[in-house]
Amino acid sequence: MIHEPLEDLFLVDLDLPREGFRGFIGSWVLRRAGATVLVDPGPRATLPILRDALARLRVHRLDAVLLTHIHIDHAGGTGLLLDRYPEAQVVCHRKGMPHLADPAKLWAGSLQVLGDLAEAYGEIAPVPPERVTWEDSLTFGDLPVDALETPGHAAHHVSYRVGDLLFAGEAAGVRCALPEGPYLRPAAPPPFFYEEFRVSLLRLAATGAAHLCYGHGGHTAGARAVCEAALRQLDLWVRTVEELVRSGGEDLARAAFDRLLDVDPAFARFRDLPPDVQARERYFFGNTLQGLRGDAERRLAGG
């Protein structure tokens, strides 16, 4: 499905045939100022969906592919997409560039962390190094793009300010729109560093952008308020997990999940999610909990 939340801004749903993975992965297409840019092509497995959507949108030329980070569900299909768009330039944080050129370690790590989910996403396609660049400020056609380093979800995470739009990847977490208000969850898998993530959210809140485009969760207005809310939620989750780690107990996952449902109204909307989406979110909650737990243990040990 293709959505147009704003004029000339399109979101392509990259649905994976797996429980709960409908309306979860998305790729952004922006046509403005004589340029067409795409943010996060998604995994290899959903590339046929993206190619079909680009054909329906009559995208015959891509000026740039902007990668918020190189995780398999955001960037795995990049190399194959370039086959149809030989003029497209890939923008990626310098830390991610070697892994795009030779994704063997990235693919092995994805298999280790995600297991059969990585297989469902599909093996990562390499990207020719001469097609990849990194600069803080770029221009495509007459379209200026500011690349903002926003580590936290990943050390190589980048957000992009394009006029009044802020493409934030997973820096502001994961969002699901619901009638009574959005479900929200931080996306902080290991290795997670709390202070680094806080600085990134403060930086995003200060951009002055009017609209925020999530890597998982669509579009919302009020970028500053959204980033400030994400920061408050992150602070709450870090405090909660640290308290539970300090007090001990055999089942941290259950204790943290139940406590956060009680103290975090945005996360408590988990109860309103469809059962298949709940299953997906429980899985990714475990990844975030690992990151928060490791950071809490490191800080409690004085590291």
Protein backbone atom coordinates (compact mmCIF):
# COMPACT_ATOMS: atom_id res chain seq x y z
CA MET A 1 0.00 0.00 0.00
CA ILE A 2 1.14 3.54 -0.78
CA HIS A 3 0.19 6.41 1.54
CA GLU A 4 0.58 10.14 0.86
CA PRO A 5 0.51 11.84 4.28
CA LEU A 6 1.72 15.14 2.79
CA GLU A 7 1.94 16.48 -0.72
CA ASP A 8 4.77 14.76 -2.62
CA LEU A 9 5.66 12.59 0.41
CA PHE A 10 4.86 8.90 0.09
CA LEU A 11 5.13 5.97 2.48
CA VAL A 12 5.35 2.49 0.96
CA ASP A 13 4.27 -0.35 3.25
CA LEU A 14 6.76 -3.22 2.96
CA ASP A 15 4.67 -6.01 4.47
CA LEU A 16 6.49 -9.22 5.28
CA PRO A 17 4.52 -12.51 5.23
CA ARG A 18 5.14 -13.05 8.91
CA GLU A 19 2.97 -12.67 11.99
CA GLY A 20 2.48 -9.02 12.89
CA PHE A 21 4.69 -7.60 10.13
CA ARG A 22 1.96 -5.69 8.29
CA GLY A 23 2.30 -1.92 8.31
CA PHE A 24 5.56 -2.25 10.24
CA ILE A 25 8.40 -1.77 7.76
CA GLY A 26 8.12 1.24 5.47
CA SER A 27 10.12 3.13 2.87
CA TRP A 28 9.75 6.89 2.36
CA VAL A 29 9.77 8.57 -1.06
CA LEU A 30 10.01 12.36 -1.33
CA ARG A 31 9.62 14.36 -4.54
CA ARG A 32 10.58 17.98 -4.07
CA ALA A 33 12.66 20.76 -5.67
CA GLY A 34 13.45 18.77 -8.78
CA ALA A 35 14.73 15.71 -6.92
CA THR A 36 13.46 12.33 -5.80
CA VAL A 37 14.97 10.77 -2.70
CA LEU A 38 14.15 7.51 -0.96
CA VAL A 39 14.71 6.82 2.74
CA ASP A 40 15.44 3.21 3.81
CA PRO A 41 14.65 0.71 1.01
CA GLY A 42 13.94 -2.05 3.53
CA PRO A 43 15.01 -5.70 3.41
CA ARG A 44 15.75 -7.80 0.36
CA ALA A 45 12.57 -9.86 0.76
CA THR A 46 10.26 -6.87 0.25
CA LEU A 47 12.19 -5.34 -2.66
CA PRO A 48 9.57 -6.49 -5.23
CA ILE A 49 6.94 -4.50 -3.31
CA LEU A 50 9.12 -1.39 -3.34
CA ARG A 51 9.96 -1.74 -7.03
CA ASP A 52 6.28 -2.07 -7.89
CA ALA A 53 5.39 0.97 -5.78
CA LEU A 54 8.11 3.07 -7.45
CA ALA A 55 6.78 2.04 -10.85
CA ARG A 56 3.25 3.04 -9.81
CA LEU A 57 4.61 6.38 -8.61
CA ARG A 58 6.39 6.75 -11.96
CA VAL A 59 9.77 7.10 -10.35
CA HIS A 60 12.16 6.68 -13.26
CA ARG A 61 15.10 8.33 -11.53
CA LEU A 62 16.29 8.29 -7.93
CA ASP A 63 18.73 10.99 -6.94
CA ALA A 64 19.54 9.57 -3.52
CA VAL A 65 18.92 6.66 -1.18
CA LEU A 66 19.22 7.92 2.39
CA LEU A 67 19.98 5.20 4.95
CA THR A 68 19.14 5.98 8.57
CA HIS A 69 21.14 2.89 9.54
CA ILE A 70 22.30 -0.35 7.97
CA HIS A 71 20.23 -2.85 9.95
CA ILE A 72 18.85 -5.56 7.72
CA ASP A 73 15.21 -4.38 7.83
CA HIS A 74 16.18 -0.86 6.70
CA ALA A 75 19.04 -1.35 4.25
CA GLY A 76 19.23 -5.02 3.25
CA GLY A 77 17.81 -4.46 -0.25
CA THR A 78 19.82 -1.35 -1.11
CA GLY A 79 22.37 -3.01 -3.38
CA LEU A 80 19.70 -4.66 -5.54
CA LEU A 81 17.60 -1.49 -5.75
CA LEU A 82 20.58 0.34 -7.27
CA ASP A 83 20.52 -2.00 -10.25
CA ARG A 84 17.44 -0.14 -11.53
CA TYR A 85 18.62 3.32 -10.54
CA PRO A 86 22.24 3.67 -11.69
CA GLU A 87 22.30 7.42 -10.98
CA ALA A 88 21.27 7.09 -7.30
CA GLN A 89 23.77 8.05 -4.62
CA VAL A 90 23.62 6.24 -1.28
CA VAL A 91 24.08 8.31 1.88
CA CYS A 92 25.24 6.34 4.91
CA HIS A 93 27.17 7.08 8.09
CA ARG A 94 30.87 6.47 7.58
CA LYS A 95 30.79 3.72 10.25
CA GLY A 96 28.34 1.74 8.15
CA MET A 97 30.10 2.06 4.81
CA PRO A 98 32.45 -0.96 5.14
CA HIS A 99 29.51 -3.20 6.06
CA LEU A 100 27.54 -2.07 3.00
CA ALA A 101 30.47 -2.90 0.72
CA ASP A 102 31.04 -6.28 2.37
CA PRO A 103 27.95 -7.29 4.37
CA ALA A 104 29.24 -10.73 5.42
CA LYS A 105 29.75 -9.76 9.09
CA LEU A 106 26.50 -7.80 9.15
CA TRP A 107 24.62 -10.79 7.75
CA ALA A 108 26.27 -13.15 10.24
CA GLY A 109 25.39 -10.83 13.10
CA SER A 110 21.81 -10.54 11.87
CA LEU A 111 21.50 -14.32 11.80
CA GLN A 112 22.93 -14.58 15.31
CA VAL A 113 20.60 -11.96 16.79
CA LEU A 114 17.43 -12.48 14.73
CA GLY A 115 17.66 -16.13 13.66
CA ASP A 116 14.85 -17.13 11.32
CA LEU A 117 13.61 -13.52 11.18
CA ALA A 118 16.86 -12.60 9.43
CA GLU A 119 16.20 -15.41 6.95
CA ALA A 120 12.72 -13.97 6.37
CA TYR A 121 14.23 -10.54 5.68
CA GLY A 122 16.64 -12.05 3.16
CA GLU A 123 20.40 -11.99 2.77
CA ILE A 124 21.94 -8.51 2.61
CA ALA A 125 23.03 -7.40 -0.86
CA PRO A 126 26.40 -5.60 -1.15
CA VAL A 127 26.56 -1.97 -2.28
CA PRO A 128 29.41 -0.79 -4.54
CA PRO A 129 31.57 1.50 -2.37
CA GLU A 130 31.82 4.13 -5.11
CA ARG A 131 28.03 4.63 -4.84
CA VAL A 132 28.17 5.54 -1.12
CA THR A 133 28.92 8.91 0.44
CA TRP A 134 28.70 10.72 3.77
CA GLU A 135 28.47 14.47 4.31
CA ASP A 136 26.64 16.57 6.88
CA SER A 137 25.02 18.68 4.19
CA LEU A 138 24.11 17.55 0.68
CA THR A 139 22.05 18.88 -2.22
CA PHE A 140 20.12 16.86 -4.78
CA GLY A 141 18.67 18.95 -7.58
CA ASP A 142 17.63 22.02 -5.61
CA LEU A 143 16.80 19.96 -2.51
CA PRO A 144 19.07 20.51 0.54
CA VAL A 145 19.45 17.55 2.91
CA ASP A 146 21.03 17.77 6.37
CA ALA A 147 22.38 14.52 7.80
CA LEU A 148 22.33 14.47 11.61
CA GLU A 149 24.33 11.92 13.58
CA THR A 150 21.87 10.41 16.06
CA PRO A 151 23.51 7.36 17.67
CA GLY A 152 21.49 5.33 20.15
CA HIS A 153 19.48 2.73 18.29
CA ALA A 154 22.78 2.04 16.52
CA ALA A 155 26.20 3.65 16.67
CA HIS A 156 25.89 4.52 12.98
CA HIS A 157 22.32 5.87 13.15
CA VAL A 158 21.58 9.01 11.13
CA SER A 159 18.46 11.19 10.86
CA TYR A 160 17.77 13.51 7.93
CA ARG A 161 16.31 17.00 8.01
CA VAL A 162 14.76 17.91 4.65
CA GLY A 163 12.99 21.23 4.94
CA ASP A 164 10.08 20.79 7.35
CA LEU A 165 10.51 17.01 7.42
CA LEU A 166 12.57 14.94 9.84
CA PHE A 167 13.28 11.35 8.85
CA ALA A 168 14.21 9.90 12.24
CA GLY A 169 14.60 6.18 11.58
CA GLU A 170 14.29 4.52 14.99
CA ALA A 171 15.77 7.37 17.04
CA ALA A 172 12.30 8.31 18.33
CA GLY A 173 11.27 4.69 18.83
CA VAL A 174 8.48 2.64 17.28
CA ARG A 175 4.91 3.88 16.88
CA CYS A 176 1.56 2.24 16.13
CA ALA A 177 -1.41 4.52 15.48
CA LEU A 178 -4.49 3.64 17.54
CA PRO A 179 -7.89 5.37 18.02
CA GLU A 180 -7.15 6.41 21.62
CA GLY A 181 -3.61 7.58 20.89
CA PRO A 182 -0.40 5.96 19.62
CA TYR A 183 1.37 2.99 21.11
CA LEU A 184 5.02 3.91 21.59
CA ARG A 185 8.13 1.91 22.46
CA PRO A 186 11.83 2.82 22.60
CA ALA A 187 14.06 0.97 20.17
CA ALA A 188 17.25 0.46 22.16
CA PRO A 189 18.81 -2.93 21.43
CA PRO A 190 22.35 -3.75 22.60
CA PRO A 191 24.82 -2.18 22.62
CA PHE A 192 22.86 0.67 24.23
CA PHE A 193 24.36 3.80 25.79
CA TYR A 194 21.82 5.91 27.62
CA GLU A 195 23.50 9.32 27.60
CA GLU A 196 24.36 9.02 23.91
CA PHE A 197 20.73 8.27 23.06
CA ARG A 198 19.51 11.22 25.18
CA VAL A 199 21.78 13.64 23.32
CA SER A 200 20.44 12.40 19.99
CA LEU A 201 16.82 12.97 21.01
CA LEU A 202 17.64 16.45 22.30
CA ARG A 203 19.34 17.21 19.01
CA LEU A 204 16.28 16.07 17.05
CA ALA A 205 13.92 18.09 19.26
CA ALA A 206 15.97 21.21 18.51
CA THR A 207 15.81 20.91 14.70
CA GLY A 208 12.58 22.89 14.40
CA ALA A 209 11.13 20.41 11.90
CA ALA A 210 7.34 20.36 11.68
CA HIS A 211 6.84 16.71 10.73
CA LEU A 212 8.50 13.47 11.87
CA CYS A 213 8.68 10.37 9.69
CA TYR A 214 9.32 7.17 11.64
CA GLY A 215 11.21 4.17 10.39
CA HIS A 216 8.42 2.11 11.95
CA GLY A 217 5.22 4.04 12.54
CA GLY A 218 4.36 6.41 9.72
CA HIS A 219 4.14 10.18 9.94
CA THR A 220 3.14 12.58 12.67
CA ALA A 221 3.10 16.33 13.08
CA GLY A 222 4.82 18.14 15.95
CA ALA A 223 8.33 16.74 15.65
CA ARG A 224 9.63 18.60 18.72
CA ALA A 225 6.85 17.33 20.98
CA VAL A 226 7.28 13.80 19.63
CA CYS A 227 11.02 13.79 20.35
CA GLU A 228 10.49 15.23 23.82
CA ALA A 229 7.90 12.54 24.54
CA ALA A 230 10.32 9.87 23.27
CA LEU A 231 12.97 11.25 25.63
CA ARG A 232 10.62 11.12 28.63
CA GLN A 233 9.69 7.56 27.74
CA LEU A 234 13.33 6.55 27.40
CA ASP A 235 14.13 8.10 30.79
CA LEU A 236 11.23 6.20 32.36
CA TRP A 237 12.26 2.88 30.86
CA VAL A 238 15.89 3.32 31.90
CA ARG A 239 14.90 4.17 35.51
CA THR A 240 12.47 1.28 35.68
CA VAL A 241 14.89 -1.34 34.36
CA GLU A 242 17.70 -0.03 36.56
CA GLU A 243 15.49 -0.33 39.65
CA LEU A 244 14.58 -3.91 38.72
CA VAL A 245 18.19 -4.87 37.98
CA ARG A 246 19.28 -3.38 41.31
CA SER A 247 16.59 -5.26 43.25
CA GLY A 248 17.35 -8.57 41.56
CA GLY A 249 14.80 -11.25 40.73
CA GLU A 250 14.68 -14.25 38.47
CA ASP A 251 12.41 -13.03 35.67
CA LEU A 252 13.46 -9.53 34.65
CA ALA A 253 11.62 -9.72 31.32
CA ARG A 254 8.23 -10.39 32.89
CA ALA A 255 8.78 -7.93 35.74
CA ALA A 256 9.87 -5.14 33.39
CA PHE A 257 7.07 -5.76 30.93
CA ASP A 258 4.40 -5.72 33.66
CA ARG A 259 5.87 -2.68 35.43
CA LEU A 260 6.10 -0.66 32.23
CA LEU A 261 2.51 -1.48 31.34
CA ASP A 262 1.55 0.06 34.70
CA VAL A 263 3.70 3.20 34.61
CA ASP A 264 3.91 4.09 30.89
CA PRO A 265 0.54 5.09 29.34
CA ALA A 266 1.92 5.05 25.77
CA PHE A 267 3.30 1.54 26.19
CA ALA A 268 0.13 0.44 28.01
CA ARG A 269 -1.72 0.78 24.69
CA PHE A 270 -0.02 -2.53 23.90
CA ARG A 271 -3.27 -4.01 25.22
CA ASP A 272 -5.14 -2.40 22.32
CA LEU A 273 -2.90 -3.82 19.60
CA PRO A 274 -4.12 -6.74 17.46
CA PRO A 275 -2.86 -10.13 18.76
CA ASP A 276 -0.37 -10.62 15.90
CA VAL A 277 1.12 -7.17 16.43
CA GLN A 278 1.33 -7.87 20.17
CA ALA A 279 3.39 -10.98 19.37
CA ARG A 280 5.76 -8.93 17.24
CA GLU A 281 6.11 -6.23 19.87
CA ARG A 282 6.80 -8.74 22.65
CA TYR A 283 9.65 -10.06 20.52
CA PHE A 284 11.21 -6.64 19.98
CA PHE A 285 10.58 -5.67 23.61
CA GLY A 286 13.04 -8.42 24.46
CA ASN A 287 15.72 -6.83 22.25
CA THR A 288 15.24 -3.42 23.86
CA LEU A 289 15.28 -4.96 27.33
CA GLN A 290 18.65 -6.57 26.59
CA GLY A 291 20.03 -3.17 25.67
CA LEU A 292 18.62 -1.45 28.75
CA ARG A 293 19.75 -4.23 31.04
CA GLY A 294 23.30 -4.16 29.73
CA ASP A 295 23.47 -0.40 30.16
CA ALA A 296 22.03 -0.59 33.69
CA GLU A 297 24.49 -3.28 34.74
CA ARG A 298 27.39 -1.29 33.30
CA ARG A 299 26.37 1.90 35.10
CA LEU A 300 25.66 0.11 38.39
CA ALA A 301 29.12 -1.44 38.17
CA GLY A 302 30.60 2.02 37.74
CA GLY A 303 31.48 1.50 34.08
